[in-house]
Amino acid sequence: MSIEQHKARDQRRPLSRRFRTPRTHAGEGVEDNYNLPGLALLALALVATALALIAAAYGFHIRAITAAVTAAVLYLSGGLWLAIEWRRRNAQGRSNDIERQGH
């Protein structure tokens, strides 16, 4: 199928079919909030990175190193948390989504 044929087919579809969510139902990302601690750890890592840069700019080398090490630990733990939750989510399959659809 050519690109023009794909575009023409897309234009015939209603908007609700053109822009679909990658999730199985709306609100699924909000229901499965087990990844929030990982996201919070990554947010704290960004703050620690900013603090390390500020401390280094002002010449507080010990504080800069401490903040940089803290940021590295937070990045690793946040990324690990998200990786574990991603694997858990994929290992469950789609059977768990059906029972969680009632909002």
PDB file of N, CA and C in Angstrom:
ATOM      1  N   MET A   1       0.838  -1.170   0.000  1.00  0.00           N
ATOM      2  CA  MET A   1       0.000   0.000   0.000  1.00  0.00           C
ATOM      3  C   MET A   1       0.890   1.242   0.000  1.00  0.00           C
ATOM      4  N   SER A   2       0.566   2.207  -0.823  1.00  0.00           N
ATOM      5  CA  SER A   2       1.392   3.407  -0.920  1.00  0.00           C
ATOM      6  C   SER A   2       1.044   4.385   0.204  1.00  0.00           C
ATOM      7  N   ILE A   3       1.860   5.397   0.328  1.00  0.00           N
ATOM      8  CA  ILE A   3       1.648   6.404   1.369  1.00  0.00           C
ATOM      9  C   ILE A   3       0.342   7.147   1.131  1.00  0.00           C
ATOM     10  N   GLU A   4       0.046   7.440  -0.113  1.00  0.00           N
ATOM     11  CA  GLU A   4      -1.191   8.143  -0.434  1.00  0.00           C
ATOM     12  C   GLU A   4      -2.420   7.314  -0.054  1.00  0.00           C
ATOM     13  N   GLN A   5      -2.332   6.018  -0.292  1.00  0.00           N
ATOM     14  CA  GLN A   5      -3.453   5.147   0.078  1.00  0.00           C
ATOM     15  C   GLN A   5      -3.631   5.099   1.589  1.00  0.00           C
ATOM     16  N   HIS A   6      -2.512   5.079   2.343  1.00  0.00           N
ATOM     17  CA  HIS A   6      -2.608   5.106   3.807  1.00  0.00           C
ATOM     18  C   HIS A   6      -3.239   6.403   4.295  1.00  0.00           C
ATOM     19  N   LYS A   7      -2.830   7.526   3.699  1.00  0.00           N
ATOM     20  CA  LYS A   7      -3.397   8.819   4.096  1.00  0.00           C
ATOM     21  C   LYS A   7      -4.882   8.886   3.781  1.00  0.00           C
ATOM     22  N   ALA A   8      -5.266   8.386   2.610  1.00  0.00           N
ATOM     23  CA  ALA A   8      -6.676   8.400   2.231  1.00  0.00           C
ATOM     24  C   ALA A   8      -7.493   7.521   3.167  1.00  0.00           C
ATOM     25  N   ARG A   9      -6.940   6.376   3.543  1.00  0.00           N
ATOM     26  CA  ARG A   9      -7.643   5.493   4.465  1.00  0.00           C
ATOM     27  C   ARG A   9      -7.774   6.137   5.841  1.00  0.00           C
ATOM     28  N   ASP A  10      -6.733   6.846   6.281  1.00  0.00           N
ATOM     29  CA  ASP A  10      -6.788   7.525   7.567  1.00  0.00           C
ATOM     30  C   ASP A  10      -7.838   8.629   7.570  1.00  0.00           C
ATOM     31  N   GLN A  11      -7.977   9.334   6.453  1.00  0.00           N
ATOM     32  CA  GLN A  11      -8.943  10.419   6.399  1.00  0.00           C
ATOM     33  C   GLN A  11     -10.379   9.909   6.463  1.00  0.00           C
ATOM     34  N   ARG A  12     -10.622   8.695   6.056  1.00  0.00           N
ATOM     35  CA  ARG A  12     -11.974   8.125   6.114  1.00  0.00           C
ATOM     36  C   ARG A  12     -12.338   7.676   7.518  1.00  0.00           C
ATOM     37  N   ARG A  13     -11.343   7.433   8.349  1.00  0.00           N
ATOM     38  CA  ARG A  13     -11.611   6.975   9.715  1.00  0.00           C
ATOM     39  C   ARG A  13     -12.042   8.144  10.591  1.00  0.00           C
ATOM     40  N   PRO A  14     -12.922   7.892  11.556  1.00  0.00           N
ATOM     41  CA  PRO A  14     -13.266   8.963  12.494  1.00  0.00           C
ATOM     42  C   PRO A  14     -12.050   9.288  13.379  1.00  0.00           C
ATOM     43  N   LEU A  15     -12.065  10.482  13.984  1.00  0.00           N
ATOM     44  CA  LEU A  15     -10.941  10.917  14.801  1.00  0.00           C
ATOM     45  C   LEU A  15     -10.666   9.963  15.955  1.00  0.00           C
ATOM     46  N   SER A  16     -11.714   9.378  16.505  1.00  0.00           N
ATOM     47  CA  SER A  16     -11.509   8.465  17.631  1.00  0.00           C
ATOM     48  C   SER A  16     -10.720   7.225  17.215  1.00  0.00           C
ATOM     49  N   ARG A  17     -10.737   6.872  15.956  1.00  0.00           N
ATOM     50  CA  ARG A  17      -9.972   5.716  15.482  1.00  0.00           C
ATOM     51  C   ARG A  17      -8.583   6.124  15.004  1.00  0.00           C
ATOM     52  N   ARG A  18      -8.421   7.392  14.594  1.00  0.00           N
ATOM     53  CA  ARG A  18      -7.122   7.839  14.098  1.00  0.00           C
ATOM     54  C   ARG A  18      -6.120   8.049  15.221  1.00  0.00           C
ATOM     55  N   PHE A  19      -6.578   8.620  16.297  1.00  0.00           N
ATOM     56  CA  PHE A  19      -5.695   8.952  17.409  1.00  0.00           C
ATOM     57  C   PHE A  19      -6.053   8.078  18.595  1.00  0.00           C
ATOM     58  N   ARG A  20      -5.569   6.870  18.568  1.00  0.00           N
ATOM     59  CA  ARG A  20      -5.903   5.903  19.609  1.00  0.00           C
ATOM     60  C   ARG A  20      -4.822   5.883  20.659  1.00  0.00           C
ATOM     61  N   THR A  21      -5.223   5.551  21.856  1.00  0.00           N
ATOM     62  CA  THR A  21      -4.265   5.407  22.938  1.00  0.00           C
ATOM     63  C   THR A  21      -3.534   4.073  22.792  1.00  0.00           C
ATOM     64  N   PRO A  22      -2.267   3.999  23.157  1.00  0.00           N
ATOM     65  CA  PRO A  22      -1.565   2.717  23.082  1.00  0.00           C
ATOM     66  C   PRO A  22      -1.999   1.753  24.182  1.00  0.00           C
ATOM     67  N   ARG A  23      -2.749   2.234  25.128  1.00  0.00           N
ATOM     68  CA  ARG A  23      -3.212   1.389  26.220  1.00  0.00           C
ATOM     69  C   ARG A  23      -4.509   0.684  25.811  1.00  0.00           C
ATOM     70  N   THR A  24      -4.898  -0.336  26.587  1.00  0.00           N
ATOM     71  CA  THR A  24      -6.081  -1.093  26.214  1.00  0.00           C
ATOM     72  C   THR A  24      -7.376  -0.348  26.522  1.00  0.00           C
ATOM     73  N   HIS A  25      -7.356   0.535  27.516  1.00  0.00           N
ATOM     74  CA  HIS A  25      -8.529   1.359  27.779  1.00  0.00           C
ATOM     75  C   HIS A  25      -8.083   2.679  28.394  1.00  0.00           C
ATOM     76  N   ALA A  26      -8.941   3.684  28.307  1.00  0.00           N
ATOM     77  CA  ALA A  26      -8.590   5.008  28.806  1.00  0.00           C
ATOM     78  C   ALA A  26      -8.426   4.983  30.320  1.00  0.00           C
ATOM     79  N   GLY A  27      -7.438   5.686  30.813  1.00  0.00           N
ATOM     80  CA  GLY A  27      -7.191   5.755  32.247  1.00  0.00           C
ATOM     81  C   GLY A  27      -6.331   4.634  32.788  1.00  0.00           C
ATOM     82  N   GLU A  28      -5.848   3.768  31.940  1.00  0.00           N
ATOM     83  CA  GLU A  28      -5.065   2.630  32.405  1.00  0.00           C
ATOM     84  C   GLU A  28      -3.756   3.088  33.043  1.00  0.00           C
ATOM     85  N   GLY A  29      -3.154   4.130  32.492  1.00  0.00           N
ATOM     86  CA  GLY A  29      -1.917   4.636  33.061  1.00  0.00           C
ATOM     87  C   GLY A  29      -2.107   5.213  34.446  1.00  0.00           C
ATOM     88  N   VAL A  30      -3.299   5.703  34.732  1.00  0.00           N
ATOM     89  CA  VAL A  30      -3.588   6.246  36.053  1.00  0.00           C
ATOM     90  C   VAL A  30      -3.903   5.118  37.029  1.00  0.00           C
ATOM     91  N   GLU A  31      -4.563   4.075  36.552  1.00  0.00           N
ATOM     92  CA  GLU A  31      -4.899   2.949  37.417  1.00  0.00           C
ATOM     93  C   GLU A  31      -3.658   2.227  37.924  1.00  0.00           C
ATOM     94  N   ASP A  32      -2.723   1.988  37.035  1.00  0.00           N
ATOM     95  CA  ASP A  32      -1.530   1.232  37.389  1.00  0.00           C
ATOM     96  C   ASP A  32      -0.467   2.213  37.860  1.00  0.00           C
ATOM     97  N   ASN A  33      -0.539   2.595  39.130  1.00  0.00           N
ATOM     98  CA  ASN A  33       0.354   3.620  39.643  1.00  0.00           C
ATOM     99  C   ASN A  33       1.565   3.033  40.355  1.00  0.00           C
ATOM    100  N   TYR A  34       1.927   1.808  40.057  1.00  0.00           N
ATOM    101  CA  TYR A  34       3.089   1.199  40.692  1.00  0.00           C
ATOM    102  C   TYR A  34       4.396   1.790  40.181  1.00  0.00           C
ATOM    103  N   ASN A  35       4.371   2.513  39.086  1.00  0.00           N
ATOM    104  CA  ASN A  35       5.594   3.112  38.575  1.00  0.00           C
ATOM    105  C   ASN A  35       5.838   4.514  39.114  1.00  0.00           C
ATOM    106  N   LEU A  36       4.927   5.045  39.930  1.00  0.00           N
ATOM    107  CA  LEU A  36       5.094   6.391  40.460  1.00  0.00           C
ATOM    108  C   LEU A  36       6.329   6.551  41.346  1.00  0.00           C
ATOM    109  N   PRO A  37       6.692   5.592  42.189  1.00  0.00           N
ATOM    110  CA  PRO A  37       7.936   5.770  42.948  1.00  0.00           C
ATOM    111  C   PRO A  37       9.165   5.889  42.053  1.00  0.00           C
ATOM    112  N   GLY A  38       9.197   5.162  40.956  1.00  0.00           N
ATOM    113  CA  GLY A  38      10.311   5.272  40.022  1.00  0.00           C
ATOM    114  C   GLY A  38      10.369   6.644  39.384  1.00  0.00           C
ATOM    115  N   LEU A  39       9.209   7.176  39.018  1.00  0.00           N
ATOM    116  CA  LEU A  39       9.169   8.516  38.443  1.00  0.00           C
ATOM    117  C   LEU A  39       9.567   9.570  39.468  1.00  0.00           C
ATOM    118  N   ALA A  40       9.159   9.375  40.720  1.00  0.00           N
ATOM    119  CA  ALA A  40       9.547  10.309  41.780  1.00  0.00           C
ATOM    120  C   ALA A  40      11.058  10.259  42.018  1.00  0.00           C
ATOM    121  N   LEU A  41      11.641   9.068  41.968  1.00  0.00           N
ATOM    122  CA  LEU A  41      13.094   8.951  42.129  1.00  0.00           C
ATOM    123  C   LEU A  41      13.828   9.664  40.999  1.00  0.00           C
ATOM    124  N   LEU A  42      13.322   9.553  39.791  1.00  0.00           N
ATOM    125  CA  LEU A  42      13.947  10.248  38.670  1.00  0.00           C
ATOM    126  C   LEU A  42      13.801  11.765  38.803  1.00  0.00           C
ATOM    127  N   ALA A  43      12.674  12.223  39.316  1.00  0.00           N
ATOM    128  CA  ALA A  43      12.497  13.665  39.544  1.00  0.00           C
ATOM    129  C   ALA A  43      13.479  14.158  40.613  1.00  0.00           C
ATOM    130  N   LEU A  44      13.639  13.383  41.670  1.00  0.00           N
ATOM    131  CA  LEU A  44      14.618  13.752  42.699  1.00  0.00           C
ATOM    132  C   LEU A  44      16.040  13.726  42.147  1.00  0.00           C
ATOM    133  N   ALA A  45      16.308  12.819  41.222  1.00  0.00           N
ATOM    134  CA  ALA A  45      17.630  12.763  40.593  1.00  0.00           C
ATOM    135  C   ALA A  45      17.896  14.028  39.781  1.00  0.00           C
ATOM    136  N   LEU A  46      16.873  14.539  39.111  1.00  0.00           N
ATOM    137  CA  LEU A  46      17.042  15.791  38.368  1.00  0.00           C
ATOM    138  C   LEU A  46      17.357  16.947  39.311  1.00  0.00           C
ATOM    139  N   VAL A  47      16.671  16.985  40.444  1.00  0.00           N
ATOM    140  CA  VAL A  47      16.931  18.028  41.434  1.00  0.00           C
ATOM    141  C   VAL A  47      18.352  17.894  41.971  1.00  0.00           C
ATOM    142  N   ALA A  48      18.776  16.670  42.264  1.00  0.00           N
ATOM    143  CA  ALA A  48      20.131  16.448  42.766  1.00  0.00           C
ATOM    144  C   ALA A  48      21.179  16.829  41.722  1.00  0.00           C
ATOM    145  N   THR A  49      20.876  16.591  40.455  1.00  0.00           N
ATOM    146  CA  THR A  49      21.798  16.992  39.391  1.00  0.00           C
ATOM    147  C   THR A  49      21.932  18.515  39.345  1.00  0.00           C
ATOM    148  N   ALA A  50      20.802  19.201  39.443  1.00  0.00           N
ATOM    149  CA  ALA A  50      20.838  20.668  39.444  1.00  0.00           C
ATOM    150  C   ALA A  50      21.619  21.178  40.661  1.00  0.00           C
ATOM    151  N   LEU A  51      21.410  20.566  41.815  1.00  0.00           N
ATOM    152  CA  LEU A  51      22.144  20.976  43.013  1.00  0.00           C
ATOM    153  C   LEU A  51      23.644  20.722  42.869  1.00  0.00           C
ATOM    154  N   ALA A  52      24.004  19.619  42.232  1.00  0.00           N
ATOM    155  CA  ALA A  52      25.422  19.327  42.011  1.00  0.00           C
ATOM    156  C   ALA A  52      26.043  20.373  41.096  1.00  0.00           C
ATOM    157  N   LEU A  53      25.350  20.753  40.048  1.00  0.00           N
ATOM    158  CA  LEU A  53      25.875  21.770  39.137  1.00  0.00           C
ATOM    159  C   LEU A  53      25.999  23.134  39.820  1.00  0.00           C
ATOM    160  N   ILE A  54      25.014  23.477  40.627  1.00  0.00           N
ATOM    161  CA  ILE A  54      25.058  24.760  41.339  1.00  0.00           C
ATOM    162  C   ILE A  54      26.200  24.761  42.356  1.00  0.00           C
ATOM    163  N   ALA A  55      26.348  23.666  43.089  1.00  0.00           N
ATOM    164  CA  ALA A  55      27.422  23.584  44.084  1.00  0.00           C
ATOM    165  C   ALA A  55      28.790  23.647  43.408  1.00  0.00           C
ATOM    166  N   ALA A  56      28.931  22.992  42.266  1.00  0.00           N
ATOM    167  CA  ALA A  56      30.205  23.033  41.548  1.00  0.00           C
ATOM    168  C   ALA A  56      30.488  24.442  41.031  1.00  0.00           C
ATOM    169  N   ALA A  57      29.463  25.138  40.589  1.00  0.00           N
ATOM    170  CA  ALA A  57      29.649  26.493  40.068  1.00  0.00           C
ATOM    171  C   ALA A  57      30.089  27.463  41.162  1.00  0.00           C
ATOM    172  N   TYR A  58      29.603  27.264  42.378  1.00  0.00           N
ATOM    173  CA  TYR A  58      29.963  28.141  43.483  1.00  0.00           C
ATOM    174  C   TYR A  58      31.224  27.690  44.214  1.00  0.00           C
ATOM    175  N   GLY A  59      31.802  26.575  43.808  1.00  0.00           N
ATOM    176  CA  GLY A  59      33.057  26.146  44.388  1.00  0.00           C
ATOM    177  C   GLY A  59      32.938  25.237  45.597  1.00  0.00           C
ATOM    178  N   PHE A  60      31.764  24.734  45.901  1.00  0.00           N
ATOM    179  CA  PHE A  60      31.571  23.797  47.008  1.00  0.00           C
ATOM    180  C   PHE A  60      31.780  22.380  46.468  1.00  0.00           C
ATOM    181  N   HIS A  61      33.035  21.969  46.381  1.00  0.00           N
ATOM    182  CA  HIS A  61      33.374  20.727  45.697  1.00  0.00           C
ATOM    183  C   HIS A  61      32.878  19.485  46.431  1.00  0.00           C
ATOM    184  N   ILE A  62      32.958  19.463  47.745  1.00  0.00           N
ATOM    185  CA  ILE A  62      32.500  18.294  48.505  1.00  0.00           C
ATOM    186  C   ILE A  62      30.989  18.137  48.353  1.00  0.00           C
ATOM    187  N   ARG A  63      30.285  19.261  48.450  1.00  0.00           N
ATOM    188  CA  ARG A  63      28.831  19.202  48.270  1.00  0.00           C
ATOM    189  C   ARG A  63      28.458  18.817  46.842  1.00  0.00           C
ATOM    190  N   ALA A  64      29.224  19.272  45.880  1.00  0.00           N
ATOM    191  CA  ALA A  64      28.958  18.924  44.483  1.00  0.00           C
ATOM    192  C   ALA A  64      29.154  17.434  44.258  1.00  0.00           C
ATOM    193  N   ILE A  65      30.215  16.873  44.822  1.00  0.00           N
ATOM    194  CA  ILE A  65      30.459  15.437  44.673  1.00  0.00           C
ATOM    195  C   ILE A  65      29.367  14.632  45.373  1.00  0.00           C
ATOM    196  N   THR A  66      28.977  15.088  46.566  1.00  0.00           N
ATOM    197  CA  THR A  66      27.910  14.394  47.298  1.00  0.00           C
ATOM    198  C   THR A  66      26.599  14.419  46.509  1.00  0.00           C
ATOM    199  N   ALA A  67      26.261  15.572  45.968  1.00  0.00           N
ATOM    200  CA  ALA A  67      25.019  15.679  45.183  1.00  0.00           C
ATOM    201  C   ALA A  67      25.107  14.861  43.901  1.00  0.00           C
ATOM    202  N   ALA A  68      26.283  14.803  43.288  1.00  0.00           N
ATOM    203  CA  ALA A  68      26.434  14.022  42.061  1.00  0.00           C
ATOM    204  C   ALA A  68      26.306  12.527  42.337  1.00  0.00           C
ATOM    205  N   VAL A  69      26.891  12.069  43.430  1.00  0.00           N
ATOM    206  CA  VAL A  69      26.763  10.651  43.796  1.00  0.00           C
ATOM    207  C   VAL A  69      25.312  10.331  44.133  1.00  0.00           C
ATOM    208  N   THR A  70      24.671  11.236  44.864  1.00  0.00           N
ATOM    209  CA  THR A  70      23.250  11.041  45.185  1.00  0.00           C
ATOM    210  C   THR A  70      22.407  10.985  43.919  1.00  0.00           C
ATOM    211  N   ALA A  71      22.694  11.863  42.977  1.00  0.00           N
ATOM    212  CA  ALA A  71      21.957  11.867  41.705  1.00  0.00           C
ATOM    213  C   ALA A  71      22.166  10.564  40.955  1.00  0.00           C
ATOM    214  N   ALA A  72      23.393  10.069  40.940  1.00  0.00           N
ATOM    215  CA  ALA A  72      23.670   8.813  40.237  1.00  0.00           C
ATOM    216  C   ALA A  72      22.907   7.654  40.858  1.00  0.00           C
ATOM    217  N   VAL A  73      22.889   7.612  42.195  1.00  0.00           N
ATOM    218  CA  VAL A  73      22.157   6.544  42.884  1.00  0.00           C
ATOM    219  C   VAL A  73      20.662   6.660  42.600  1.00  0.00           C
ATOM    220  N   LEU A  74      20.142   7.885  42.601  1.00  0.00           N
ATOM    221  CA  LEU A  74      18.721   8.082  42.323  1.00  0.00           C
ATOM    222  C   LEU A  74      18.368   7.731  40.880  1.00  0.00           C
ATOM    223  N   TYR A  75      19.231   8.092  39.932  1.00  0.00           N
ATOM    224  CA  TYR A  75      18.986   7.709  38.537  1.00  0.00           C
ATOM    225  C   TYR A  75      18.956   6.191  38.384  1.00  0.00           C
ATOM    226  N   LEU A  76      19.927   5.531  38.989  1.00  0.00           N
ATOM    227  CA  LEU A  76      19.980   4.070  38.866  1.00  0.00           C
ATOM    228  C   LEU A  76      18.776   3.405  39.534  1.00  0.00           C
ATOM    229  N   SER A  77      18.430   3.857  40.736  1.00  0.00           N
ATOM    230  CA  SER A  77      17.301   3.224  41.430  1.00  0.00           C
ATOM    231  C   SER A  77      15.971   3.521  40.740  1.00  0.00           C
ATOM    232  N   GLY A  78      15.792   4.742  40.240  1.00  0.00           N
ATOM    233  CA  GLY A  78      14.562   5.070  39.514  1.00  0.00           C
ATOM    234  C   GLY A  78      14.438   4.298  38.219  1.00  0.00           C
ATOM    235  N   GLY A  79      15.541   4.200  37.486  1.00  0.00           N
ATOM    236  CA  GLY A  79      15.521   3.425  36.246  1.00  0.00           C
ATOM    237  C   GLY A  79      15.290   1.954  36.497  1.00  0.00           C
ATOM    238  N   LEU A  80      15.907   1.428  37.554  1.00  0.00           N
ATOM    239  CA  LEU A  80      15.705   0.027  37.909  1.00  0.00           C
ATOM    240  C   LEU A  80      14.254  -0.234  38.312  1.00  0.00           C
ATOM    241  N   TRP A  81      13.688   0.686  39.082  1.00  0.00           N
ATOM    242  CA  TRP A  81      12.287   0.542  39.493  1.00  0.00           C
ATOM    243  C   TRP A  81      11.379   0.498  38.256  1.00  0.00           C
ATOM    244  N   LEU A  82      11.586   1.409  37.320  1.00  0.00           N
ATOM    245  CA  LEU A  82      10.748   1.435  36.124  1.00  0.00           C
ATOM    246  C   LEU A  82      10.952   0.198  35.265  1.00  0.00           C
ATOM    247  N   ALA A  83      12.182  -0.292  35.187  1.00  0.00           N
ATOM    248  CA  ALA A  83      12.446  -1.506  34.412  1.00  0.00           C
ATOM    249  C   ALA A  83      11.754  -2.715  35.030  1.00  0.00           C
ATOM    250  N   ILE A  84      11.802  -2.816  36.346  1.00  0.00           N
ATOM    251  CA  ILE A  84      11.140  -3.932  37.024  1.00  0.00           C
ATOM    252  C   ILE A  84       9.633  -3.858  36.835  1.00  0.00           C
ATOM    253  N   GLU A  85       9.072  -2.669  36.968  1.00  0.00           N
ATOM    254  CA  GLU A  85       7.622  -2.517  36.783  1.00  0.00           C
ATOM    255  C   GLU A  85       7.212  -2.775  35.340  1.00  0.00           C
ATOM    256  N   TRP A  86       8.051  -2.395  34.389  1.00  0.00           N
ATOM    257  CA  TRP A  86       7.748  -2.666  32.983  1.00  0.00           C
ATOM    258  C   TRP A  86       7.734  -4.169  32.731  1.00  0.00           C
ATOM    259  N   ARG A  87       8.705  -4.863  33.303  1.00  0.00           N
ATOM    260  CA  ARG A  87       8.744  -6.322  33.129  1.00  0.00           C
ATOM    261  C   ARG A  87       7.562  -6.979  33.832  1.00  0.00           C
ATOM    262  N   ARG A  88       7.195  -6.481  35.022  1.00  0.00           N
ATOM    263  CA  ARG A  88       6.047  -7.030  35.742  1.00  0.00           C
ATOM    264  C   ARG A  88       4.776  -6.830  34.926  1.00  0.00           C
ATOM    265  N   ARG A  89       4.642  -5.650  34.351  1.00  0.00           N
ATOM    266  CA  ARG A  89       3.448  -5.326  33.568  1.00  0.00           C
ATOM    267  C   ARG A  89       3.353  -6.219  32.329  1.00  0.00           C
ATOM    268  N   ASN A  90       4.471  -6.433  31.658  1.00  0.00           N
ATOM    269  CA  ASN A  90       4.464  -7.285  30.474  1.00  0.00           C
ATOM    270  C   ASN A  90       4.292  -8.752  30.820  1.00  0.00           C
ATOM    271  N   ALA A  91       4.760  -9.172  31.986  1.00  0.00           N
ATOM    272  CA  ALA A  91       4.623 -10.577  32.386  1.00  0.00           C
ATOM    273  C   ALA A  91       3.178 -10.914  32.737  1.00  0.00           C
ATOM    274  N   GLN A  92       2.406  -9.913  33.170  1.00  0.00           N
ATOM    275  CA  GLN A  92       1.008 -10.169  33.538  1.00  0.00           C
ATOM    276  C   GLN A  92       0.137 -10.420  32.323  1.00  0.00           C
ATOM    277  N   GLY A  93       0.494  -9.847  31.207  1.00  0.00           N
ATOM    278  CA  GLY A  93      -0.317 -10.021  30.007  1.00  0.00           C
ATOM    279  C   GLY A  93      -1.557  -9.151  30.041  1.00  0.00           C
ATOM    280  N   ARG A  94      -2.517  -9.487  29.219  1.00  0.00           N
ATOM    281  CA  ARG A  94      -3.730  -8.681  29.096  1.00  0.00           C
ATOM    282  C   ARG A  94      -4.855  -9.156  30.010  1.00  0.00           C
ATOM    283  N   SER A  95      -4.715 -10.275  30.679  1.00  0.00           N
ATOM    284  CA  SER A  95      -5.820 -10.794  31.492  1.00  0.00           C
ATOM    285  C   SER A  95      -6.127  -9.888  32.664  1.00  0.00           C
ATOM    286  N   ASN A  96      -5.130  -9.196  33.211  1.00  0.00           N
ATOM    287  CA  ASN A  96      -5.349  -8.322  34.337  1.00  0.00           C
ATOM    288  C   ASN A  96      -6.077  -7.046  33.926  1.00  0.00           C
ATOM    289  N   ASP A  97      -5.955  -6.623  32.667  1.00  0.00           N
ATOM    290  CA  ASP A  97      -6.603  -5.401  32.215  1.00  0.00           C
ATOM    291  C   ASP A  97      -8.115  -5.527  32.197  1.00  0.00           C
ATOM    292  N   ILE A  98      -8.623  -6.687  31.900  1.00  0.00           N
ATOM    293  CA  ILE A  98     -10.055  -6.865  31.768  1.00  0.00           C
ATOM    294  C   ILE A  98     -10.747  -6.663  33.119  1.00  0.00           C
ATOM    295  N   GLU A  99     -10.168  -7.172  34.176  1.00  0.00           N
ATOM    296  CA  GLU A  99     -10.811  -7.056  35.482  1.00  0.00           C
ATOM    297  C   GLU A  99     -10.651  -5.666  36.078  1.00  0.00           C
ATOM    298  N   ARG A 100      -9.777  -4.823  35.536  1.00  0.00           N
ATOM    299  CA  ARG A 100      -9.539  -3.499  36.099  1.00  0.00           C
ATOM    300  C   ARG A 100     -10.229  -2.404  35.307  1.00  0.00           C
ATOM    301  N   GLN A 101     -11.118  -2.709  34.386  1.00  0.00           N
ATOM    302  CA  GLN A 101     -11.674  -1.692  33.525  1.00  0.00           C
ATOM    303  C   GLN A 101     -12.765  -0.860  34.185  1.00  0.00           C
ATOM    304  N   GLY A 102     -13.369  -1.305  35.230  1.00  0.00           N
ATOM    305  CA  GLY A 102     -14.419  -0.524  35.871  1.00  0.00           C
ATOM    306  C   GLY A 102     -13.829   0.633  36.651  1.00  0.00           C
ATOM    307  N   HIS A 103     -14.095   1.863  36.220  1.00  0.00           N
ATOM    308  CA  HIS A 103     -13.537   3.036  36.901  1.00  0.00           C
ATOM    309  C   HIS A 103     -14.412   3.432  38.033  1.00  0.00           C
TER     310      HIS A 103
END
